[in-house]
Amino acid sequence: MSTEQRKQVITVSDRLISIAHFCPRGSKVVDVGSGHGKLALYLRQTKIADYVIAVELNQDPLNRIEQLINSRNPQQINIDVRSGDGLQPVQADEMEIICLAGLSSSTIVKILEAAKNKLNQTKRLILQPIAKPEELRYWLITNGWELIDEQIVAGQSLRLSKIHTILVAEPGKSLCVYKEANLEHDDLVYVGPILWKRREPLLHYKLRQEQQHWKEALETILKADLNHPTRRDQIISRIEWLEFLINKW
């Protein structure tokens, strides 16, 4: 890429750059829930993807994507903008690489479940949920997808809600990566087996932040003298479990 071409590349967040770099060069990518269209445009401008299908359900995001593309020489961009729910407007032979980013875990699972019969030609899933990545790890395990990589990325702040987990999966042996001597299977599903093996500093920070969140919740209940013993015991159990994970580090 020339210096002039680099200058013209859209500015995107570290989160989107990380997602883009998990797309194999020269691939065909489906970006579901494309929103602003920045990931799709970045993939094409950097020539990571040869072709991108950007899917959105609602008209306002569709208009924003088209406006963004039209402002950047649309004849050379090669982005196909489609309206539809999840992967519904995409054919099986177009689903080489699928990106589902910035959506809830339940929404991502719903989209994948609805398209399950069309994923036989898909080579890679790149998933970035807003929260609860463990729900996606469970789905991958039960549906024959092998987790091949994970990354944890901080947004503009280190608030818990701004720490993003990216999961990369390909068809394969779904349980191979869940082998760690000092943690149980369910614990690994929660923390992320690859993140845990690498001892990613942001994962350690995230666990401590989660523990602090529950400690504050417990303090609120105790101060208010609320008569919720079951909820109190659940929170205490959560705090102790997170302490266990932190001590295993």
C-alpha atoms as a PDB file:
ATOM      1  CA  MET A   1       0.000   0.000   0.000  1.00  0.00           C
ATOM      2  CA  SER A   2       1.403   3.408  -1.008  1.00  0.00           C
ATOM      3  CA  THR A   3       1.838   6.317   1.410  1.00  0.00           C
ATOM      4  CA  GLU A   4      -1.038   8.124  -0.301  1.00  0.00           C
ATOM      5  CA  GLN A   5      -3.305   5.091   0.051  1.00  0.00           C
ATOM      6  CA  ARG A   6      -2.465   4.825   3.760  1.00  0.00           C
ATOM      7  CA  LYS A   7      -3.495   8.431   4.252  1.00  0.00           C
ATOM      8  CA  GLN A   8      -6.905   7.665   2.751  1.00  0.00           C
ATOM      9  CA  VAL A   9      -7.622   4.632   4.967  1.00  0.00           C
ATOM     10  CA  ILE A  10     -10.462   5.273   7.366  1.00  0.00           C
ATOM     11  CA  THR A  11      -9.538   5.644  11.041  1.00  0.00           C
ATOM     12  CA  VAL A  12     -11.002   2.827  13.134  1.00  0.00           C
ATOM     13  CA  SER A  13     -10.717   1.675  16.751  1.00  0.00           C
ATOM     14  CA  ASP A  14      -8.201  -0.873  18.030  1.00  0.00           C
ATOM     15  CA  ARG A  15     -11.144  -3.244  18.438  1.00  0.00           C
ATOM     16  CA  LEU A  16     -11.999  -3.121  14.734  1.00  0.00           C
ATOM     17  CA  ILE A  17      -8.339  -3.315  13.701  1.00  0.00           C
ATOM     18  CA  SER A  18      -7.961  -6.483  15.777  1.00  0.00           C
ATOM     19  CA  ILE A  19     -11.087  -8.001  14.232  1.00  0.00           C
ATOM     20  CA  ALA A  20      -9.874  -7.112  10.737  1.00  0.00           C
ATOM     21  CA  HIS A  21      -6.476  -8.710  11.303  1.00  0.00           C
ATOM     22  CA  PHE A  22      -8.137 -12.046  12.012  1.00  0.00           C
ATOM     23  CA  CYS A  23      -9.568 -12.003   8.470  1.00  0.00           C
ATOM     24  CA  PRO A  24      -7.231 -13.888   6.113  1.00  0.00           C
ATOM     25  CA  ARG A  25      -5.811 -11.712   3.349  1.00  0.00           C
ATOM     26  CA  GLY A  26      -7.682 -12.076   0.074  1.00  0.00           C
ATOM     27  CA  SER A  27     -10.790 -13.491   1.739  1.00  0.00           C
ATOM     28  CA  LYS A  28     -14.472 -12.818   1.194  1.00  0.00           C
ATOM     29  CA  VAL A  29     -16.015 -11.445   4.375  1.00  0.00           C
ATOM     30  CA  VAL A  30     -19.592 -11.095   5.616  1.00  0.00           C
ATOM     31  CA  ASP A  31     -19.907  -8.314   8.211  1.00  0.00           C
ATOM     32  CA  VAL A  32     -23.217  -8.826  10.016  1.00  0.00           C
ATOM     33  CA  GLY A  33     -24.609  -5.924  12.005  1.00  0.00           C
ATOM     34  CA  SER A  34     -22.250  -3.664  10.125  1.00  0.00           C
ATOM     35  CA  GLY A  35     -23.619  -0.537  11.834  1.00  0.00           C
ATOM     36  CA  HIS A  36     -21.511   2.363  10.642  1.00  0.00           C
ATOM     37  CA  GLY A  37     -19.761   0.282   7.957  1.00  0.00           C
ATOM     38  CA  LYS A  38     -16.265   1.159   9.183  1.00  0.00           C
ATOM     39  CA  LEU A  39     -15.049  -2.435   9.498  1.00  0.00           C
ATOM     40  CA  ALA A  40     -16.239  -3.272   5.983  1.00  0.00           C
ATOM     41  CA  LEU A  41     -14.562  -0.182   4.548  1.00  0.00           C
ATOM     42  CA  TYR A  42     -11.325  -0.777   6.468  1.00  0.00           C
ATOM     43  CA  LEU A  43     -11.153  -4.373   5.196  1.00  0.00           C
ATOM     44  CA  ARG A  44     -11.391  -3.197   1.614  1.00  0.00           C
ATOM     45  CA  GLN A  45      -9.172  -0.118   1.852  1.00  0.00           C
ATOM     46  CA  THR A  46      -6.369  -2.138   3.439  1.00  0.00           C
ATOM     47  CA  LYS A  47      -6.932  -4.907   0.867  1.00  0.00           C
ATOM     48  CA  ILE A  48      -7.315  -7.499   3.611  1.00  0.00           C
ATOM     49  CA  ALA A  49     -10.583  -8.654   2.030  1.00  0.00           C
ATOM     50  CA  ASP A  50     -11.206  -8.944  -1.702  1.00  0.00           C
ATOM     51  CA  TYR A  51     -14.944  -8.563  -1.224  1.00  0.00           C
ATOM     52  CA  VAL A  52     -17.201  -7.631   1.683  1.00  0.00           C
ATOM     53  CA  ILE A  53     -20.925  -8.089   2.223  1.00  0.00           C
ATOM     54  CA  ALA A  54     -22.198  -5.637   4.847  1.00  0.00           C
ATOM     55  CA  VAL A  55     -25.528  -6.707   6.363  1.00  0.00           C
ATOM     56  CA  GLU A  56     -27.866  -4.524   8.403  1.00  0.00           C
ATOM     57  CA  LEU A  57     -31.465  -4.960   9.453  1.00  0.00           C
ATOM     58  CA  ASN A  58     -32.505  -1.350  10.005  1.00  0.00           C
ATOM     59  CA  GLN A  59     -32.710   1.431   7.440  1.00  0.00           C
ATOM     60  CA  ASP A  60     -30.777   4.119   9.330  1.00  0.00           C
ATOM     61  CA  PRO A  61     -27.576   2.036   9.612  1.00  0.00           C
ATOM     62  CA  LEU A  62     -27.971   0.981   5.977  1.00  0.00           C
ATOM     63  CA  ASN A  63     -28.125   4.629   4.953  1.00  0.00           C
ATOM     64  CA  ARG A  64     -25.006   5.411   7.012  1.00  0.00           C
ATOM     65  CA  ILE A  65     -23.056   2.571   5.413  1.00  0.00           C
ATOM     66  CA  GLU A  66     -24.035   3.662   1.906  1.00  0.00           C
ATOM     67  CA  GLN A  67     -23.148   7.287   2.662  1.00  0.00           C
ATOM     68  CA  LEU A  68     -19.742   6.230   3.963  1.00  0.00           C
ATOM     69  CA  ILE A  69     -19.039   4.093   0.901  1.00  0.00           C
ATOM     70  CA  ASN A  70     -20.289   6.749  -1.525  1.00  0.00           C
ATOM     71  CA  SER A  71     -17.886   9.258   0.006  1.00  0.00           C
ATOM     72  CA  ARG A  72     -14.909   6.992  -0.765  1.00  0.00           C
ATOM     73  CA  ASN A  73     -15.029   6.138  -4.491  1.00  0.00           C
ATOM     74  CA  PRO A  74     -17.657   3.362  -4.433  1.00  0.00           C
ATOM     75  CA  GLN A  75     -16.620   1.900  -7.812  1.00  0.00           C
ATOM     76  CA  GLN A  76     -13.354   0.676  -6.293  1.00  0.00           C
ATOM     77  CA  ILE A  77     -14.575  -0.216  -2.814  1.00  0.00           C
ATOM     78  CA  ASN A  78     -16.350  -3.485  -3.736  1.00  0.00           C
ATOM     79  CA  ILE A  79     -18.705  -3.633  -0.753  1.00  0.00           C
ATOM     80  CA  ASP A  80     -22.128  -5.183  -1.232  1.00  0.00           C
ATOM     81  CA  VAL A  81     -24.619  -3.632   1.214  1.00  0.00           C
ATOM     82  CA  ARG A  82     -27.620  -5.840   1.967  1.00  0.00           C
ATOM     83  CA  SER A  83     -30.717  -5.464   4.101  1.00  0.00           C
ATOM     84  CA  GLY A  84     -31.791  -8.406   6.206  1.00  0.00           C
ATOM     85  CA  ASP A  85     -31.877 -10.202   9.528  1.00  0.00           C
ATOM     86  CA  GLY A  86     -28.526 -11.770  10.388  1.00  0.00           C
ATOM     87  CA  LEU A  87     -27.225 -14.071   7.668  1.00  0.00           C
ATOM     88  CA  GLN A  88     -30.632 -14.418   5.996  1.00  0.00           C
ATOM     89  CA  PRO A  89     -29.721 -12.316   2.897  1.00  0.00           C
ATOM     90  CA  VAL A  90     -26.425 -14.191   2.336  1.00  0.00           C
ATOM     91  CA  GLN A  91     -25.982 -17.444   0.411  1.00  0.00           C
ATOM     92  CA  ALA A  92     -23.920 -20.347   1.773  1.00  0.00           C
ATOM     93  CA  ASP A  93     -21.218 -19.995  -0.894  1.00  0.00           C
ATOM     94  CA  GLU A  94     -20.728 -16.337   0.091  1.00  0.00           C
ATOM     95  CA  MET A  95     -19.962 -17.094   3.754  1.00  0.00           C
ATOM     96  CA  GLU A  96     -16.219 -17.731   3.627  1.00  0.00           C
ATOM     97  CA  ILE A  97     -15.432 -15.532   6.651  1.00  0.00           C
ATOM     98  CA  ILE A  98     -18.184 -14.289   8.971  1.00  0.00           C
ATOM     99  CA  CYS A  99     -17.738 -11.361  11.355  1.00  0.00           C
ATOM    100  CA  LEU A 100     -20.306 -10.796  14.087  1.00  0.00           C
ATOM    101  CA  ALA A 101     -19.078  -7.887  16.191  1.00  0.00           C
ATOM    102  CA  GLY A 102     -20.588  -5.440  18.650  1.00  0.00           C
ATOM    103  CA  LEU A 103     -23.714  -7.544  19.228  1.00  0.00           C
ATOM    104  CA  SER A 104     -24.949  -9.294  22.361  1.00  0.00           C
ATOM    105  CA  SER A 105     -23.939 -12.931  22.826  1.00  0.00           C
ATOM    106  CA  SER A 106     -27.575 -14.013  22.667  1.00  0.00           C
ATOM    107  CA  THR A 107     -28.050 -12.181  19.354  1.00  0.00           C
ATOM    108  CA  ILE A 108     -24.913 -13.761  17.881  1.00  0.00           C
ATOM    109  CA  VAL A 109     -26.075 -17.224  18.958  1.00  0.00           C
ATOM    110  CA  LYS A 110     -29.511 -16.571  17.474  1.00  0.00           C
ATOM    111  CA  ILE A 111     -27.974 -15.510  14.138  1.00  0.00           C
ATOM    112  CA  LEU A 112     -25.675 -18.543  13.997  1.00  0.00           C
ATOM    113  CA  GLU A 113     -28.475 -20.935  14.963  1.00  0.00           C
ATOM    114  CA  ALA A 114     -30.754 -19.551  12.260  1.00  0.00           C
ATOM    115  CA  ALA A 115     -28.014 -19.999   9.637  1.00  0.00           C
ATOM    116  CA  LYS A 116     -26.618 -23.299  10.937  1.00  0.00           C
ATOM    117  CA  ASN A 117     -27.568 -25.205   7.789  1.00  0.00           C
ATOM    118  CA  LYS A 118     -25.727 -22.650   5.622  1.00  0.00           C
ATOM    119  CA  LEU A 119     -22.387 -22.693   7.463  1.00  0.00           C
ATOM    120  CA  ASN A 120     -20.968 -25.785   5.738  1.00  0.00           C
ATOM    121  CA  GLN A 121     -18.751 -23.656   3.471  1.00  0.00           C
ATOM    122  CA  THR A 122     -17.667 -21.183   6.154  1.00  0.00           C
ATOM    123  CA  LYS A 123     -13.944 -21.310   6.917  1.00  0.00           C
ATOM    124  CA  ARG A 124     -13.829 -18.966   9.901  1.00  0.00           C
ATOM    125  CA  LEU A 125     -16.052 -17.228  12.440  1.00  0.00           C
ATOM    126  CA  ILE A 126     -14.825 -14.008  14.055  1.00  0.00           C
ATOM    127  CA  LEU A 127     -17.046 -13.139  17.007  1.00  0.00           C
ATOM    128  CA  GLN A 128     -16.899 -10.107  19.298  1.00  0.00           C
ATOM    129  CA  PRO A 129     -19.791  -9.974  21.737  1.00  0.00           C
ATOM    130  CA  ILE A 130     -20.637  -6.970  23.888  1.00  0.00           C
ATOM    131  CA  ALA A 131     -20.462  -9.241  26.938  1.00  0.00           C
ATOM    132  CA  LYS A 132     -20.610 -12.883  28.059  1.00  0.00           C
ATOM    133  CA  PRO A 133     -18.145 -14.449  25.580  1.00  0.00           C
ATOM    134  CA  GLU A 134     -18.512 -17.698  27.534  1.00  0.00           C
ATOM    135  CA  GLU A 135     -21.961 -18.148  25.951  1.00  0.00           C
ATOM    136  CA  LEU A 136     -20.330 -18.162  22.520  1.00  0.00           C
ATOM    137  CA  ARG A 137     -17.608 -20.566  23.638  1.00  0.00           C
ATOM    138  CA  TYR A 138     -20.326 -22.996  24.741  1.00  0.00           C
ATOM    139  CA  TRP A 139     -22.052 -22.630  21.369  1.00  0.00           C
ATOM    140  CA  LEU A 140     -18.814 -23.270  19.479  1.00  0.00           C
ATOM    141  CA  ILE A 141     -18.124 -26.392  21.559  1.00  0.00           C
ATOM    142  CA  THR A 142     -21.582 -27.869  20.996  1.00  0.00           C
ATOM    143  CA  ASN A 143     -21.585 -27.110  17.273  1.00  0.00           C
ATOM    144  CA  GLY A 144     -18.207 -28.451  16.170  1.00  0.00           C
ATOM    145  CA  TRP A 145     -16.203 -25.227  15.940  1.00  0.00           C
ATOM    146  CA  GLU A 146     -12.631 -25.184  17.220  1.00  0.00           C
ATOM    147  CA  LEU A 147     -11.483 -22.048  18.999  1.00  0.00           C
ATOM    148  CA  ILE A 148      -8.164 -21.223  17.307  1.00  0.00           C
ATOM    149  CA  ASP A 149      -7.469 -17.784  18.766  1.00  0.00           C
ATOM    150  CA  GLU A 150      -8.708 -15.211  21.237  1.00  0.00           C
ATOM    151  CA  GLN A 151      -7.833 -11.615  21.902  1.00  0.00           C
ATOM    152  CA  ILE A 152      -8.878  -9.186  24.597  1.00  0.00           C
ATOM    153  CA  VAL A 153      -8.864  -5.496  23.669  1.00  0.00           C
ATOM    154  CA  ALA A 154      -9.428  -2.393  25.768  1.00  0.00           C
ATOM    155  CA  GLY A 155     -11.520   0.459  24.435  1.00  0.00           C
ATOM    156  CA  GLN A 156     -10.871   4.124  25.130  1.00  0.00           C
ATOM    157  CA  SER A 157     -11.175   3.459  28.855  1.00  0.00           C
ATOM    158  CA  LEU A 158     -10.441   0.478  31.086  1.00  0.00           C
ATOM    159  CA  ARG A 159     -14.000   0.288  32.352  1.00  0.00           C
ATOM    160  CA  LEU A 160     -15.310  -3.267  32.447  1.00  0.00           C
ATOM    161  CA  SER A 161     -17.877  -2.510  29.735  1.00  0.00           C
ATOM    162  CA  LYS A 162     -15.095  -1.320  27.410  1.00  0.00           C
ATOM    163  CA  ILE A 163     -13.000  -4.489  27.539  1.00  0.00           C
ATOM    164  CA  HIS A 164     -13.790  -6.542  24.446  1.00  0.00           C
ATOM    165  CA  THR A 165     -13.152 -10.234  23.786  1.00  0.00           C
ATOM    166  CA  ILE A 166     -12.645 -11.485  20.229  1.00  0.00           C
ATOM    167  CA  LEU A 167     -13.112 -15.187  19.467  1.00  0.00           C
ATOM    168  CA  VAL A 168     -11.823 -16.837  16.289  1.00  0.00           C
ATOM    169  CA  ALA A 169     -13.102 -20.294  15.377  1.00  0.00           C
ATOM    170  CA  GLU A 170     -12.837 -22.750  12.500  1.00  0.00           C
ATOM    171  CA  PRO A 171     -14.517 -26.105  11.860  1.00  0.00           C
ATOM    172  CA  GLY A 172     -12.657 -28.740  13.867  1.00  0.00           C
ATOM    173  CA  LYS A 173     -12.225 -30.537  17.174  1.00  0.00           C
ATOM    174  CA  SER A 174     -14.038 -28.203  19.515  1.00  0.00           C
ATOM    175  CA  LEU A 175     -12.598 -29.516  22.809  1.00  0.00           C
ATOM    176  CA  CYS A 176      -8.892 -29.634  21.893  1.00  0.00           C
ATOM    177  CA  VAL A 177      -8.080 -26.228  23.323  1.00  0.00           C
ATOM    178  CA  TYR A 178      -9.843 -26.831  26.664  1.00  0.00           C
ATOM    179  CA  LYS A 179      -6.997 -28.703  28.315  1.00  0.00           C
ATOM    180  CA  GLU A 180      -5.374 -26.894  31.224  1.00  0.00           C
ATOM    181  CA  ALA A 181      -3.976 -28.718  34.234  1.00  0.00           C
ATOM    182  CA  ASN A 182      -4.962 -26.191  36.888  1.00  0.00           C
ATOM    183  CA  LEU A 183      -8.490 -25.224  35.753  1.00  0.00           C
ATOM    184  CA  GLU A 184     -11.740 -27.110  35.227  1.00  0.00           C
ATOM    185  CA  HIS A 185     -13.480 -27.135  31.856  1.00  0.00           C
ATOM    186  CA  ASP A 186     -16.265 -24.719  32.880  1.00  0.00           C
ATOM    187  CA  ASP A 187     -13.728 -22.292  34.336  1.00  0.00           C
ATOM    188  CA  LEU A 188     -11.796 -22.304  31.060  1.00  0.00           C
ATOM    189  CA  VAL A 189     -14.983 -21.686  29.107  1.00  0.00           C
ATOM    190  CA  TYR A 190     -15.554 -18.613  31.253  1.00  0.00           C
ATOM    191  CA  VAL A 191     -12.063 -17.081  31.155  1.00  0.00           C
ATOM    192  CA  GLY A 192     -11.097 -18.259  27.679  1.00  0.00           C
ATOM    193  CA  PRO A 193      -8.614 -21.133  27.302  1.00  0.00           C
ATOM    194  CA  ILE A 194      -6.225 -19.304  24.985  1.00  0.00           C
ATOM    195  CA  LEU A 195      -6.331 -16.069  26.964  1.00  0.00           C
ATOM    196  CA  TRP A 196      -5.670 -18.066  30.144  1.00  0.00           C
ATOM    197  CA  LYS A 197      -2.781 -20.016  28.619  1.00  0.00           C
ATOM    198  CA  ARG A 198      -1.170 -16.761  27.497  1.00  0.00           C
ATOM    199  CA  ARG A 199      -1.839 -15.153  30.882  1.00  0.00           C
ATOM    200  CA  GLU A 200      -3.150 -12.071  29.112  1.00  0.00           C
ATOM    201  CA  PRO A 201      -2.729  -9.089  31.487  1.00  0.00           C
ATOM    202  CA  LEU A 202      -6.082  -7.618  30.445  1.00  0.00           C
ATOM    203  CA  LEU A 203      -7.837 -10.848  31.410  1.00  0.00           C
ATOM    204  CA  HIS A 204      -6.323 -10.650  34.899  1.00  0.00           C
ATOM    205  CA  TYR A 205      -7.409  -7.013  35.122  1.00  0.00           C
ATOM    206  CA  LYS A 206     -10.917  -7.917  33.931  1.00  0.00           C
ATOM    207  CA  LEU A 207     -11.278 -10.631  36.582  1.00  0.00           C
ATOM    208  CA  ARG A 208     -10.248  -8.180  39.292  1.00  0.00           C
ATOM    209  CA  GLN A 209     -12.674  -5.584  37.957  1.00  0.00           C
ATOM    210  CA  GLU A 210     -15.496  -8.130  37.979  1.00  0.00           C
ATOM    211  CA  GLN A 211     -14.660  -9.101  41.538  1.00  0.00           C
ATOM    212  CA  GLN A 212     -14.686  -5.452  42.610  1.00  0.00           C
ATOM    213  CA  HIS A 213     -18.058  -4.968  40.911  1.00  0.00           C
ATOM    214  CA  TRP A 214     -19.568  -7.818  42.953  1.00  0.00           C
ATOM    215  CA  LYS A 215     -17.952  -6.620  46.170  1.00  0.00           C
ATOM    216  CA  GLU A 216     -19.620  -3.246  45.675  1.00  0.00           C
ATOM    217  CA  ALA A 217     -22.940  -4.959  44.942  1.00  0.00           C
ATOM    218  CA  LEU A 218     -22.606  -6.967  48.159  1.00  0.00           C
ATOM    219  CA  GLU A 219     -21.769  -3.840  50.144  1.00  0.00           C
ATOM    220  CA  THR A 220     -24.892  -2.130  48.781  1.00  0.00           C
ATOM    221  CA  ILE A 221     -27.089  -5.040  49.869  1.00  0.00           C
ATOM    222  CA  LEU A 222     -25.536  -5.192  53.338  1.00  0.00           C
ATOM    223  CA  LYS A 223     -25.733  -1.429  53.894  1.00  0.00           C
ATOM    224  CA  ALA A 224     -29.362  -1.311  52.830  1.00  0.00           C
ATOM    225  CA  ASP A 225     -30.089  -4.269  55.098  1.00  0.00           C
ATOM    226  CA  LEU A 226     -32.122  -5.836  52.311  1.00  0.00           C
ATOM    227  CA  ASN A 227     -33.690  -9.169  53.130  1.00  0.00           C
ATOM    228  CA  HIS A 228     -32.340 -11.080  50.121  1.00  0.00           C
ATOM    229  CA  PRO A 229     -30.290 -13.946  51.617  1.00  0.00           C
ATOM    230  CA  THR A 230     -30.326 -15.979  48.404  1.00  0.00           C
ATOM    231  CA  ARG A 231     -29.028 -13.077  46.328  1.00  0.00           C
ATOM    232  CA  ARG A 232     -26.453 -12.242  49.015  1.00  0.00           C
ATOM    233  CA  ASP A 233     -25.171 -15.820  49.046  1.00  0.00           C
ATOM    234  CA  GLN A 234     -24.994 -15.875  45.233  1.00  0.00           C
ATOM    235  CA  ILE A 235     -22.861 -12.733  45.209  1.00  0.00           C
ATOM    236  CA  ILE A 236     -20.563 -14.059  47.946  1.00  0.00           C
ATOM    237  CA  SER A 237     -20.134 -17.274  45.968  1.00  0.00           C
ATOM    238  CA  ARG A 238     -19.287 -15.262  42.854  1.00  0.00           C
ATOM    239  CA  ILE A 239     -16.691 -13.188  44.703  1.00  0.00           C
ATOM    240  CA  GLU A 240     -15.061 -16.328  46.118  1.00  0.00           C
ATOM    241  CA  TRP A 241     -14.997 -18.015  42.703  1.00  0.00           C
ATOM    242  CA  LEU A 242     -13.339 -14.984  41.096  1.00  0.00           C
ATOM    243  CA  GLU A 243     -10.813 -14.961  43.948  1.00  0.00           C
ATOM    244  CA  PHE A 244     -10.102 -18.616  43.169  1.00  0.00           C
ATOM    245  CA  LEU A 245      -9.434 -17.786  39.502  1.00  0.00           C
ATOM    246  CA  ILE A 246      -7.223 -14.826  40.392  1.00  0.00           C
ATOM    247  CA  ASN A 247      -5.185 -16.954  42.822  1.00  0.00           C
ATOM    248  CA  LYS A 248      -4.734 -19.614  40.120  1.00  0.00           C
ATOM    249  CA  TRP A 249      -3.040 -17.028  37.895  1.00  0.00           C
END
